[in-house]
Protein backbone atom coordinates (compact mmCIF):
# COMPACT_ATOMS: atom_id res chain seq x y z
CA MET A 1 132.83 266.77 138.19
CA SER A 2 135.33 266.85 140.97
CA GLU A 3 138.39 269.25 140.39
CA ALA A 4 140.83 266.47 140.93
CA PHE A 5 139.49 264.66 137.78
CA LYS A 6 138.87 267.65 135.86
CA GLY A 7 142.85 268.20 137.15
CA ARG A 8 144.02 264.44 135.71
CA LEU A 9 142.24 265.41 132.23
CA GLU A 10 143.72 268.42 131.66
CA LYS A 11 147.34 267.14 131.06
CA HIS A 12 145.80 265.58 128.13
CA ARG A 13 145.57 268.82 126.75
CA ASN A 14 147.61 269.00 123.61
CA ASP A 15 148.75 272.03 121.57
CA GLU A 16 145.11 272.67 120.30
CA ASN A 17 144.37 273.41 123.44
CA LYS A 18 141.49 270.22 122.79
CA ILE A 19 142.02 267.63 125.57
CA GLN A 20 142.51 264.25 124.38
CA ILE A 21 141.55 260.49 125.75
CA GLY A 22 141.52 257.38 125.80
CA LEU A 23 138.54 254.98 125.68
CA MET A 24 138.70 253.85 129.87
CA GLN A 25 139.20 257.89 130.77
CA SER A 26 136.12 258.75 128.24
CA TYR A 27 134.43 256.10 130.79
CA GLU A 28 135.25 257.41 133.53
CA LEU A 29 134.47 261.15 132.38
CA LEU A 30 131.28 260.03 131.24
CA PHE A 31 130.82 258.34 135.16
CA GLU A 32 131.91 261.91 136.80
CA LEU A 33 129.27 263.28 134.47
CA HIS A 34 126.54 260.76 136.07
CA ASP A 35 125.63 259.28 132.85
CA PRO A 36 122.71 257.43 133.45
CA VAL A 37 123.89 254.49 131.29
CA ILE A 38 127.85 254.17 132.57
CA GLN A 39 126.62 254.95 136.02
CA PRO A 40 125.68 251.77 137.23
CA TRP A 41 127.90 249.52 135.60
CA TYR A 42 131.27 251.32 135.77
CA HIS A 43 132.55 250.66 139.02
CA GLU A 44 131.57 246.94 138.90
CA HIS A 45 133.09 245.97 135.11
CA LYS A 46 136.08 248.38 135.01
CA PHE A 47 138.39 245.81 135.60
CA LYS A 48 136.95 243.26 133.07
CA ILE A 49 136.86 246.15 130.19
CA ASN A 50 141.33 247.24 131.86
CA ASP A 51 142.47 243.72 131.13
CA PHE A 52 140.13 243.42 127.59
CA LEU A 53 141.96 246.66 126.73
CA ARG A 54 145.35 245.69 127.36
CA HIS A 55 145.62 242.37 125.93
CA ARG A 56 144.35 244.40 122.46
CA ASN A 57 146.59 247.15 122.94
CA GLU A 58 149.45 245.19 123.04
CA SER A 59 148.36 243.22 120.43
CA LEU A 60 148.52 243.38 116.35
CA PHE A 61 145.25 245.48 116.11
CA ALA A 62 146.31 247.87 117.85
CA HIS A 63 149.74 249.10 119.70
CA GLY A 64 151.93 246.10 120.36
CA LEU A 65 153.36 243.28 117.97
CA LYS A 66 152.38 240.02 120.51
CA PRO A 67 149.36 237.98 118.07
CA VAL A 68 145.54 237.21 120.01
CA ASN A 69 145.54 233.29 120.36
CA GLN A 70 142.51 231.57 120.14
CA ASN A 71 142.44 231.11 123.91
CA THR A 72 142.70 234.69 124.90
CA TYR A 73 140.25 235.26 122.19
CA GLU A 74 137.66 233.29 123.41
CA THR A 75 138.18 233.83 127.37
CA ILE A 76 137.92 237.74 127.28
CA VAL A 77 135.84 238.11 123.89
CA PRO A 78 132.26 237.31 125.27
CA SER A 79 132.62 238.87 128.21
CA ILE A 80 132.81 242.32 126.85
CA MET A 81 130.78 241.61 123.80
CA GLU A 82 128.24 240.81 127.42
CA LEU A 83 129.19 244.83 127.74
CA ILE A 84 128.47 246.02 125.18
CA ARG A 85 125.28 244.20 124.97
CA HIS A 86 123.99 245.24 127.70
CA LEU A 87 125.48 249.21 127.73
CA ILE A 88 123.81 249.18 124.49
CA ASP A 89 120.10 247.77 125.71
CA SER A 90 120.81 250.94 128.22
CA LEU A 91 120.79 253.36 125.85
CA TYR A 92 118.16 252.70 124.14
CA LYS A 93 116.22 252.28 127.42
CA THR A 94 117.62 255.93 128.45
CA ASP A 95 117.92 257.88 125.54
CA LYS A 96 115.34 256.85 123.10
CA GLU A 97 116.79 260.05 120.49
CA LYS A 98 120.18 257.89 120.32
CA ARG A 99 118.76 255.05 118.87
CA SER A 100 120.82 253.79 115.17
CA GLU A 101 120.73 250.47 113.55
CA LEU A 102 123.00 248.21 114.98
CA LEU A 103 124.51 245.29 112.95
CA PRO A 104 124.74 242.67 116.30
CA PHE A 105 127.65 241.40 117.33
CA PRO A 106 129.32 238.70 116.63
CA ASN A 107 129.50 235.64 118.90
CA ASN A 108 133.00 234.95 116.54
CA LEU A 109 135.04 235.60 114.10
CA GLY A 110 133.69 232.82 111.95
CA ASP A 111 129.85 234.99 112.65
CA ILE A 112 131.56 238.09 110.67
CA GLY A 113 130.28 237.06 107.20
CA ASN A 114 126.90 236.25 107.73
CA LEU A 115 126.61 239.48 109.90
CA ILE A 116 127.73 241.93 106.92
CA SER A 117 125.50 239.62 104.40
CA GLN A 118 122.64 239.46 106.90
CA ASP A 119 122.36 243.07 107.25
CA LYS A 120 122.77 243.12 102.53
CA GLN A 121 119.54 241.50 102.23
CA GLU A 122 117.93 243.43 104.43
CA ALA A 123 118.98 246.55 102.67
CA LYS A 124 117.40 245.41 100.09
């Protein structure tokens, strides 16, 4: 890890001497540590992730007061979901010990209830 990045991390040390960083900095840390899943795609996709996080952080779902309209959701979420699917697939291919059972990500808000019902039926 570069000394410059270590210095940036130190700025996030809290009163309990723990470093607390956000999602984007977590990706940067994994990149700095040469994580085999993050390394190949981080620079290519970091602007998409930043754009998604900006909308999320400004929304009622996080820290802001702006509602997410349907157009924003349908424009931004599919590309982020594809990135997440790719990361999970990459994780499965690189570290079989980290595999876990995951619900598939919904393609739209209407799919969420169906996925939960399907998972409950498969568990029986």
